[in-house]
């Protein structure tokens, strides 16, 4: 039966469960902590992470998709720095 189950799962249209994003090494920038958390989705990684300052947090999720978790984390850090430069503490309002 396990062989039949395996074959059935290959052809079923049931979506696979999304894995929870895993936090990668954080980076400090202008008093903010940037925590990349690439979200695995369909064999790629969606830009996802947290920008934190003290007790305040901003969840950052974008439509950008990358082939590797490292590329995704680097882009999340880059975009977060731009957002911090533009918004500063207003990011939490």
Protein backbone atom coordinates (compact mmCIF):
# COMPACT_ATOMS: atom_id res chain seq x y z
CA UNK A 1 0.00 0.00 0.00
CA UNK A 2 2.84 2.44 0.62
CA UNK A 3 3.89 2.31 -3.03
CA UNK A 4 0.34 3.11 -4.12
CA UNK A 5 0.17 5.93 -1.59
CA UNK A 6 3.41 7.36 -2.92
CA UNK A 7 2.17 7.25 -6.50
CA UNK A 8 -1.13 8.80 -5.48
CA UNK A 9 0.62 11.65 -3.64
CA UNK A 10 2.68 12.46 -6.76
CA UNK A 11 -0.46 13.02 -8.80
CA UNK A 12 -2.75 14.56 -6.19
CA UNK A 13 -3.50 18.25 -6.40
CA UNK A 14 -3.55 18.73 -2.63
CA UNK A 15 -1.28 21.64 -1.70
CA UNK A 16 1.70 20.86 0.48
CA UNK A 17 1.78 22.51 3.88
CA UNK A 18 3.86 25.66 3.92
CA UNK A 19 6.90 25.48 6.17
CA UNK A 20 7.19 28.07 8.90
CA UNK A 21 9.78 30.72 8.06
CA UNK A 22 13.09 30.15 9.83
CA UNK A 23 14.89 33.17 11.27
CA UNK A 24 18.36 33.77 9.86
CA UNK A 25 21.16 35.83 11.46
CA UNK A 26 19.95 39.33 12.26
CA UNK A 27 21.68 42.62 11.52
CA UNK A 28 21.68 45.92 13.42
CA UNK A 29 21.09 49.11 11.43
CA UNK A 30 20.52 52.63 12.79
CA UNK A 31 19.22 51.24 16.10
CA UNK A 32 16.87 48.76 14.41
CA UNK A 33 17.26 44.99 14.32
CA UNK A 34 16.58 43.37 10.94
CA UNK A 35 15.64 39.68 11.15
CA UNK A 36 15.33 37.91 7.78
CA UNK A 37 12.90 34.98 7.75
CA UNK A 38 12.71 33.67 4.16
CA UNK A 39 9.43 31.79 3.67
CA UNK A 40 9.74 28.59 1.60
CA UNK A 41 7.03 28.54 -1.03
CA UNK A 42 6.82 26.44 -4.18
CA UNK A 43 10.54 25.64 -4.29
CA UNK A 44 11.50 29.29 -3.86
CA UNK A 45 11.71 31.76 -0.96
CA UNK A 46 9.40 34.73 -0.41
CA UNK A 47 10.89 37.90 1.08
CA UNK A 48 9.78 37.89 4.71
CA UNK A 49 11.16 39.16 8.00
CA UNK A 50 10.84 41.41 11.01
CA UNK A 51 12.16 44.90 11.68
CA UNK A 52 12.39 45.49 15.43
CA UNK A 53 13.29 48.42 17.65
CA UNK A 54 12.89 47.87 21.37
CA UNK A 55 9.48 46.30 21.97
CA UNK A 56 8.07 47.42 18.60
CA UNK A 57 8.01 45.15 15.54
CA UNK A 58 7.08 45.53 11.89
CA UNK A 59 6.41 42.37 9.85
CA UNK A 60 7.78 42.82 6.34
CA UNK A 61 6.37 40.54 3.63
CA UNK A 62 6.86 41.23 -0.06
CA UNK A 63 5.94 39.46 -3.29
CA UNK A 64 9.62 39.04 -4.25
CA UNK A 65 10.69 35.40 -4.75
CA UNK A 66 14.27 34.06 -4.75
CA UNK A 67 15.96 30.77 -5.59
CA UNK A 68 17.93 30.60 -2.34
CA UNK A 69 17.26 31.51 1.28
CA UNK A 70 20.55 33.46 1.43
CA UNK A 71 19.66 35.63 -1.59
CA UNK A 72 16.26 36.26 -0.06
CA UNK A 73 17.76 37.21 3.33
CA UNK A 74 20.24 39.61 1.71
CA UNK A 75 17.48 41.34 -0.26
CA UNK A 76 15.30 41.56 2.86
CA UNK A 77 18.14 43.33 4.67
CA UNK A 78 18.70 45.71 1.73
CA UNK A 79 15.02 46.63 1.42
CA UNK A 80 14.68 46.98 5.20
CA UNK A 81 17.51 49.51 5.30
CA UNK A 82 15.81 51.57 2.61
CA UNK A 83 12.53 51.43 4.53
CA UNK A 84 14.25 52.44 7.77
CA UNK A 85 15.97 55.37 6.01
CA UNK A 86 12.63 56.53 4.57
CA UNK A 87 10.33 55.91 7.53
CA UNK A 88 12.43 55.73 10.69
CA UNK A 89 10.26 55.34 13.80
CA UNK A 90 7.11 56.13 11.77
CA UNK A 91 7.39 52.52 10.59
CA UNK A 92 5.57 51.47 13.77
CA UNK A 93 2.62 53.91 13.52
